[in-house]
Each structure stands twice: as C-alpha cells, then as structure tokens.
C-alpha cells in the first residue's frame, strides 16, 4: 500500500472528509481507495458519469417493434 489515508482525506466511498482516527478503519479505507484505483479520491461518490457505454445505448433491442 502506497499511502495511508488520514482524518480529513476524502473517503473513497462517499467523498466526504474522513472523520475517524481509528488506525484499523483508516487501513481498510486506504486499501479500498487503492483497489478502486483512486487513492484519496471518492471515486464512487461523485465522479462524472462517462456517458453511455456499449451496454447503455438508446438503440432498440433487435426485434423490438418501432412505435414511432
């Protein structure tokens, strides 16, 4: 693990400042931040939506009736 989060750093889950100073909880949050690929940044909390991906398009499914 590269760097441990500390009180006041953004939570990797919600982006709010970390309130706890419990070393065990900080270790878990630091591990989670590393696994998410965003140490010190709340990736789940408010990152911009990348937009439609290959599975989230507005195209009708094959065989769907066209009601235009």
PDB file of N, CA and C in Angstrom:
ATOM      1  N   UNK A   1       0.855  -1.166   0.000  1.00  0.00           N
ATOM      2  CA  UNK A   1       0.000   0.000   0.000  1.00  0.00           C
ATOM      3  C   UNK A   1       0.899   1.226   0.000  1.00  0.00           C
ATOM      4  N   UNK A   2       0.607   2.153  -0.874  1.00  0.00           N
ATOM      5  CA  UNK A   2       1.497   3.291  -1.050  1.00  0.00           C
ATOM      6  C   UNK A   2       1.353   4.336   0.058  1.00  0.00           C
ATOM      7  N   UNK A   3       0.152   4.772   0.348  1.00  0.00           N
ATOM      8  CA  UNK A   3      -0.034   5.835   1.331  1.00  0.00           C
ATOM      9  C   UNK A   3      -1.325   5.594   2.096  1.00  0.00           C
ATOM     10  N   UNK A   4      -1.254   5.732   3.413  1.00  0.00           N
ATOM     11  CA  UNK A   4      -2.453   5.566   4.230  1.00  0.00           C
ATOM     12  C   UNK A   4      -3.243   6.867   4.254  1.00  0.00           C
ATOM     13  N   UNK A   5      -4.560   6.718   4.158  1.00  0.00           N
ATOM     14  CA  UNK A   5      -5.417   7.880   4.307  1.00  0.00           C
ATOM     15  C   UNK A   5      -5.373   8.345   5.758  1.00  0.00           C
ATOM     16  N   UNK A   6      -5.715   9.600   5.967  1.00  0.00           N
ATOM     17  CA  UNK A   6      -5.717  10.158   7.319  1.00  0.00           C
ATOM     18  C   UNK A   6      -7.004  10.950   7.522  1.00  0.00           C
ATOM     19  N   UNK A   7      -7.327  11.277   8.768  1.00  0.00           N
ATOM     20  CA  UNK A   7      -8.529  12.073   9.015  1.00  0.00           C
ATOM     21  C   UNK A   7      -8.502  13.356   8.180  1.00  0.00           C
ATOM     22  N   UNK A   8      -9.633  13.653   7.560  1.00  0.00           N
ATOM     23  CA  UNK A   8      -9.744  14.837   6.722  1.00  0.00           C
ATOM     24  C   UNK A   8      -9.601  14.534   5.235  1.00  0.00           C
ATOM     25  N   UNK A   9      -8.967  13.402   4.896  1.00  0.00           N
ATOM     26  CA  UNK A   9      -8.868  12.999   3.488  1.00  0.00           C
ATOM     27  C   UNK A   9     -10.260  12.595   2.994  1.00  0.00           C
ATOM     28  N   UNK A  10     -10.523  12.703   1.688  1.00  0.00           N
ATOM     29  CA  UNK A  10     -11.824  12.272   1.163  1.00  0.00           C
ATOM     30  C   UNK A  10     -11.997  10.755   1.278  1.00  0.00           C
ATOM     31  N   UNK A  11     -13.161  10.354   1.711  1.00  0.00           N
ATOM     32  CA  UNK A  11     -13.492   8.935   1.801  1.00  0.00           C
ATOM     33  C   UNK A  11     -13.598   8.362   0.390  1.00  0.00           C
ATOM     34  N   UNK A  12     -13.031   7.168   0.134  1.00  0.00           N
ATOM     35  CA  UNK A  12     -13.121   6.581  -1.208  1.00  0.00           C
ATOM     36  C   UNK A  12     -14.532   6.121  -1.565  1.00  0.00           C
ATOM     37  N   UNK A  13     -15.432   6.026  -0.578  1.00  0.00           N
ATOM     38  CA  UNK A  13     -16.796   5.575  -0.849  1.00  0.00           C
ATOM     39  C   UNK A  13     -17.760   6.730  -1.096  1.00  0.00           C
ATOM     40  N   UNK A  14     -17.658   7.771  -0.273  1.00  0.00           N
ATOM     41  CA  UNK A  14     -18.657   8.840  -0.359  1.00  0.00           C
ATOM     42  C   UNK A  14     -18.062  10.207  -0.680  1.00  0.00           C
ATOM     43  N   UNK A  15     -16.748  10.358  -0.580  1.00  0.00           N
ATOM     44  CA  UNK A  15     -16.107  11.627  -0.889  1.00  0.00           C
ATOM     45  C   UNK A  15     -16.099  12.624   0.245  1.00  0.00           C
ATOM     46  N   UNK A  16     -16.817  12.341   1.317  1.00  0.00           N
ATOM     47  CA  UNK A  16     -16.840  13.225   2.483  1.00  0.00           C
ATOM     48  C   UNK A  16     -15.521  13.103   3.234  1.00  0.00           C
ATOM     49  N   UNK A  17     -15.126  14.128   3.972  1.00  0.00           N
ATOM     50  CA  UNK A  17     -13.898  14.030   4.767  1.00  0.00           C
ATOM     51  C   UNK A  17     -13.987  12.891   5.786  1.00  0.00           C
ATOM     52  N   UNK A  18     -12.914  12.136   5.905  1.00  0.00           N
ATOM     53  CA  UNK A  18     -12.862  11.034   6.870  1.00  0.00           C
ATOM     54  C   UNK A  18     -12.823  11.628   8.270  1.00  0.00           C
ATOM     55  N   UNK A  19     -13.710  11.153   9.134  1.00  0.00           N
ATOM     56  CA  UNK A  19     -13.824  11.669  10.496  1.00  0.00           C
ATOM     57  C   UNK A  19     -13.031  10.836  11.504  1.00  0.00           C
ATOM     58  N   UNK A  20     -12.838   9.557  11.208  1.00  0.00           N
ATOM     59  CA  UNK A  20     -12.238   8.644  12.181  1.00  0.00           C
ATOM     60  C   UNK A  20     -10.715   8.781  12.237  1.00  0.00           C
ATOM     61  N   UNK A  21     -10.184   8.458  13.413  1.00  0.00           N
ATOM     62  CA  UNK A  21      -8.727   8.367  13.548  1.00  0.00           C
ATOM     63  C   UNK A  21      -8.323   6.942  13.932  1.00  0.00           C
ATOM     64  N   UNK A  22      -9.300   6.016  13.883  1.00  0.00           N
ATOM     65  CA  UNK A  22      -9.050   4.607  14.200  1.00  0.00           C
ATOM     66  C   UNK A  22      -8.119   4.016  13.137  1.00  0.00           C
ATOM     67  N   UNK A  23      -6.923   3.560  13.537  1.00  0.00           N
ATOM     68  CA  UNK A  23      -5.956   3.051  12.550  1.00  0.00           C
ATOM     69  C   UNK A  23      -6.477   1.874  11.727  1.00  0.00           C
ATOM     70  N   UNK A  24      -7.289   1.006  12.330  1.00  0.00           N
ATOM     71  CA  UNK A  24      -7.832  -0.132  11.584  1.00  0.00           C
ATOM     72  C   UNK A  24      -8.789   0.330  10.491  1.00  0.00           C
ATOM     73  N   UNK A  25      -9.638   1.288  10.807  1.00  0.00           N
ATOM     74  CA  UNK A  25     -10.581   1.803   9.814  1.00  0.00           C
ATOM     75  C   UNK A  25      -9.850   2.565   8.717  1.00  0.00           C
ATOM     76  N   UNK A  26      -8.838   3.327   9.091  1.00  0.00           N
ATOM     77  CA  UNK A  26      -8.058   4.055   8.083  1.00  0.00           C
ATOM     78  C   UNK A  26      -7.334   3.090   7.152  1.00  0.00           C
ATOM     79  N   UNK A  27      -6.877   1.973   7.690  1.00  0.00           N
ATOM     80  CA  UNK A  27      -6.216   0.954   6.876  1.00  0.00           C
ATOM     81  C   UNK A  27      -7.191   0.356   5.854  1.00  0.00           C
ATOM     82  N   UNK A  28      -8.403   0.044   6.308  1.00  0.00           N
ATOM     83  CA  UNK A  28      -9.412  -0.522   5.405  1.00  0.00           C
ATOM     84  C   UNK A  28      -9.788   0.499   4.325  1.00  0.00           C
ATOM     85  N   UNK A  29     -10.001   1.759   4.711  1.00  0.00           N
ATOM     86  CA  UNK A  29     -10.348   2.791   3.736  1.00  0.00           C
ATOM     87  C   UNK A  29      -9.214   3.008   2.739  1.00  0.00           C
ATOM     88  N   UNK A  30      -7.973   2.940   3.218  1.00  0.00           N
ATOM     89  CA  UNK A  30      -6.818   3.095   2.336  1.00  0.00           C
ATOM     90  C   UNK A  30      -6.737   1.944   1.344  1.00  0.00           C
ATOM     91  N   UNK A  31      -6.990   0.735   1.833  1.00  0.00           N
ATOM     92  CA  UNK A  31      -6.992  -0.437   0.950  1.00  0.00           C
ATOM     93  C   UNK A  31      -8.084  -0.293  -0.112  1.00  0.00           C
ATOM     94  N   UNK A  32      -9.270   0.128   0.329  1.00  0.00           N
ATOM     95  CA  UNK A  32     -10.385   0.293  -0.593  1.00  0.00           C
ATOM     96  C   UNK A  32     -10.057   1.344  -1.652  1.00  0.00           C
ATOM     97  N   UNK A  33      -9.465   2.453  -1.243  1.00  0.00           N
ATOM     98  CA  UNK A  33      -9.086   3.504  -2.196  1.00  0.00           C
ATOM     99  C   UNK A  33      -8.096   2.955  -3.222  1.00  0.00           C
ATOM    100  N   UNK A  34      -7.165   2.143  -2.773  1.00  0.00           N
ATOM    101  CA  UNK A  34      -6.177   1.568  -3.687  1.00  0.00           C
ATOM    102  C   UNK A  34      -6.846   0.605  -4.663  1.00  0.00           C
ATOM    103  N   UNK A  35      -7.782  -0.205  -4.183  1.00  0.00           N
ATOM    104  CA  UNK A  35      -8.473  -1.166  -5.045  1.00  0.00           C
ATOM    105  C   UNK A  35      -9.339  -0.452  -6.081  1.00  0.00           C
ATOM    106  N   UNK A  36      -9.893   0.698  -5.713  1.00  0.00           N
ATOM    107  CA  UNK A  36     -10.715   1.459  -6.642  1.00  0.00           C
ATOM    108  C   UNK A  36      -9.863   2.222  -7.646  1.00  0.00           C
ATOM    109  N   UNK A  37      -8.569   2.284  -7.386  1.00  0.00           N
ATOM    110  CA  UNK A  37      -7.675   2.984  -8.288  1.00  0.00           C
ATOM    111  C   UNK A  37      -7.693   4.482  -8.108  1.00  0.00           C
ATOM    112  N   UNK A  38      -8.167   4.930  -6.970  1.00  0.00           N
ATOM    113  CA  UNK A  38      -8.258   6.370  -6.740  1.00  0.00           C
ATOM    114  C   UNK A  38      -7.887   6.712  -5.306  1.00  0.00           C
ATOM    115  N   UNK A  39      -6.641   6.516  -4.902  1.00  0.00           N
ATOM    116  CA  UNK A  39      -6.289   6.842  -3.526  1.00  0.00           C
ATOM    117  C   UNK A  39      -6.586   8.299  -3.212  1.00  0.00           C
ATOM    118  N   UNK A  40      -7.325   8.515  -2.137  1.00  0.00           N
ATOM    119  CA  UNK A  40      -7.627   9.864  -1.695  1.00  0.00           C
ATOM    120  C   UNK A  40      -8.722  10.549  -2.482  1.00  0.00           C
ATOM    121  N   UNK A  41      -9.392   9.830  -3.368  1.00  0.00           N
ATOM    122  CA  UNK A  41     -10.463  10.437  -4.149  1.00  0.00           C
ATOM    123  C   UNK A  41     -11.692   9.553  -4.079  1.00  0.00           C
ATOM    124  N   UNK A  42     -12.841  10.142  -3.824  1.00  0.00           N
ATOM    125  CA  UNK A  42     -14.081   9.382  -3.717  1.00  0.00           C
ATOM    126  C   UNK A  42     -14.620   8.990  -5.065  1.00  0.00           C
ATOM    127  N   UNK A  43     -14.086   7.962  -5.644  1.00  0.00           N
ATOM    128  CA  UNK A  43     -14.470   7.538  -6.983  1.00  0.00           C
ATOM    129  C   UNK A  43     -15.937   7.148  -7.046  1.00  0.00           C
ATOM    130  N   UNK A  44     -16.477   6.531  -6.003  1.00  0.00           N
ATOM    131  CA  UNK A  44     -17.872   6.124  -6.024  1.00  0.00           C
ATOM    132  C   UNK A  44     -18.816   7.279  -5.741  1.00  0.00           C
ATOM    133  N   UNK A  45     -18.293   8.338  -5.157  1.00  0.00           N
ATOM    134  CA  UNK A  45     -19.145   9.390  -4.652  1.00  0.00           C
ATOM    135  C   UNK A  45     -19.657  10.347  -5.711  1.00  0.00           C
ATOM    136  N   UNK A  46     -18.827  10.844  -6.567  1.00  0.00           N
ATOM    137  CA  UNK A  46     -19.323  11.873  -7.459  1.00  0.00           C
ATOM    138  C   UNK A  46     -18.524  12.050  -8.719  1.00  0.00           C
ATOM    139  N   UNK A  47     -17.834  11.030  -9.135  1.00  0.00           N
ATOM    140  CA  UNK A  47     -17.111  11.159 -10.389  1.00  0.00           C
ATOM    141  C   UNK A  47     -18.121  11.365 -11.503  1.00  0.00           C
ATOM    142  N   UNK A  48     -17.700  12.067 -12.523  1.00  0.00           N
ATOM    143  CA  UNK A  48     -18.592  12.330 -13.634  1.00  0.00           C
ATOM    144  C   UNK A  48     -18.967  11.035 -14.326  1.00  0.00           C
ATOM    145  N   UNK A  49     -20.200  10.974 -14.760  1.00  0.00           N
ATOM    146  CA  UNK A  49     -20.690   9.820 -15.492  1.00  0.00           C
ATOM    147  C   UNK A  49     -20.029   9.815 -16.866  1.00  0.00           C
ATOM    148  N   UNK A  50     -19.396   8.708 -17.247  1.00  0.00           N
ATOM    149  CA  UNK A  50     -18.718   8.675 -18.538  1.00  0.00           C
ATOM    150  C   UNK A  50     -19.666   8.665 -19.733  1.00  0.00           C
ATOM    151  N   UNK A  51     -20.965   8.635 -19.480  1.00  0.00           N
ATOM    152  CA  UNK A  51     -21.920   8.616 -20.577  1.00  0.00           C
ATOM    153  C   UNK A  51     -22.260   7.199 -20.973  1.00  0.00           C
ATOM    154  N   UNK A  52     -23.065   7.064 -22.017  1.00  0.00           N
ATOM    155  CA  UNK A  52     -23.468   5.721 -22.420  1.00  0.00           C
ATOM    156  C   UNK A  52     -22.286   4.890 -22.876  1.00  0.00           C
ATOM    157  N   UNK A  53     -22.251   3.688 -22.396  1.00  0.00           N
ATOM    158  CA  UNK A  53     -21.236   2.742 -22.828  1.00  0.00           C
ATOM    159  C   UNK A  53     -21.867   1.774 -23.806  1.00  0.00           C
ATOM    160  N   UNK A  54     -21.145   0.732 -24.156  1.00  0.00           N
ATOM    161  CA  UNK A  54     -21.688  -0.205 -25.143  1.00  0.00           C
ATOM    162  C   UNK A  54     -22.972  -0.883 -24.680  1.00  0.00           C
ATOM    163  N   UNK A  55     -23.198  -0.973 -23.369  1.00  0.00           N
ATOM    164  CA  UNK A  55     -24.396  -1.642 -22.862  1.00  0.00           C
ATOM    165  C   UNK A  55     -25.493  -0.652 -22.490  1.00  0.00           C
ATOM    166  N   UNK A  56     -25.226   0.656 -22.607  1.00  0.00           N
ATOM    167  CA  UNK A  56     -26.223   1.638 -22.170  1.00  0.00           C
ATOM    168  C   UNK A  56     -26.568   2.599 -23.307  1.00  0.00           C
ATOM    169  N   UNK A  57     -26.879   2.086 -24.455  1.00  0.00           N
ATOM    170  CA  UNK A  57     -27.246   2.926 -25.585  1.00  0.00           C
ATOM    171  C   UNK A  57     -28.751   3.054 -25.660  1.00  0.00           C
ATOM    172  N   UNK A  58     -29.206   3.953 -26.478  1.00  0.00           N
ATOM    173  CA  UNK A  58     -30.650   4.144 -26.646  1.00  0.00           C
ATOM    174  C   UNK A  58     -31.185   3.412 -27.868  1.00  0.00           C
ATOM    175  N   UNK A  59     -30.390   2.539 -28.424  1.00  0.00           N
ATOM    176  CA  UNK A  59     -30.844   1.779 -29.582  1.00  0.00           C
ATOM    177  C   UNK A  59     -31.848   0.709 -29.156  1.00  0.00           C
ATOM    178  N   UNK A  60     -32.871   0.488 -29.974  1.00  0.00           N
ATOM    179  CA  UNK A  60     -33.832  -0.571 -29.622  1.00  0.00           C
ATOM    180  C   UNK A  60     -33.179  -1.944 -29.713  1.00  0.00           C
ATOM    181  N   UNK A  61     -33.700  -2.849 -28.943  1.00  0.00           N
ATOM    182  CA  UNK A  61     -33.199  -4.208 -28.998  1.00  0.00           C
ATOM    183  C   UNK A  61     -33.614  -4.842 -30.322  1.00  0.00           C
ATOM    184  N   UNK A  62     -32.822  -5.761 -30.824  1.00  0.00           N
ATOM    185  CA  UNK A  62     -33.179  -6.429 -32.071  1.00  0.00           C
ATOM    186  C   UNK A  62     -34.561  -7.079 -31.954  1.00  0.00           C
ATOM    187  N   UNK A  63     -35.402  -6.866 -32.951  1.00  0.00           N
ATOM    188  CA  UNK A  63     -36.734  -7.459 -32.957  1.00  0.00           C
ATOM    189  C   UNK A  63     -37.774  -6.639 -32.235  1.00  0.00           C
ATOM    190  N   UNK A  64     -37.376  -5.518 -31.628  1.00  0.00           N
ATOM    191  CA  UNK A  64     -38.342  -4.671 -30.919  1.00  0.00           C
ATOM    192  C   UNK A  64     -39.183  -3.917 -31.932  1.00  0.00           C
ATOM    193  N   UNK A  65     -40.451  -3.764 -31.634  1.00  0.00           N
ATOM    194  CA  UNK A  65     -41.361  -3.060 -32.548  1.00  0.00           C
ATOM    195  C   UNK A  65     -41.053  -1.573 -32.527  1.00  0.00           C
ATOM    196  N   UNK A  66     -41.154  -0.932 -33.692  1.00  0.00           N
ATOM    197  CA  UNK A  66     -40.930   0.505 -33.799  1.00  0.00           C
ATOM    198  C   UNK A  66     -42.293   1.192 -33.693  1.00  0.00           C
ATOM    199  N   UNK A  67     -42.503   1.965 -32.626  1.00  0.00           N
ATOM    200  CA  UNK A  67     -43.787   2.635 -32.377  1.00  0.00           C
ATOM    201  C   UNK A  67     -43.677   4.131 -32.625  1.00  0.00           C
ATOM    202  N   UNK A  68     -42.924   4.553 -33.635  1.00  0.00           N
ATOM    203  CA  UNK A  68     -42.767   5.980 -33.875  1.00  0.00           C
ATOM    204  C   UNK A  68     -43.920   6.542 -34.667  1.00  0.00           C
TER     205      UNK A  68
END
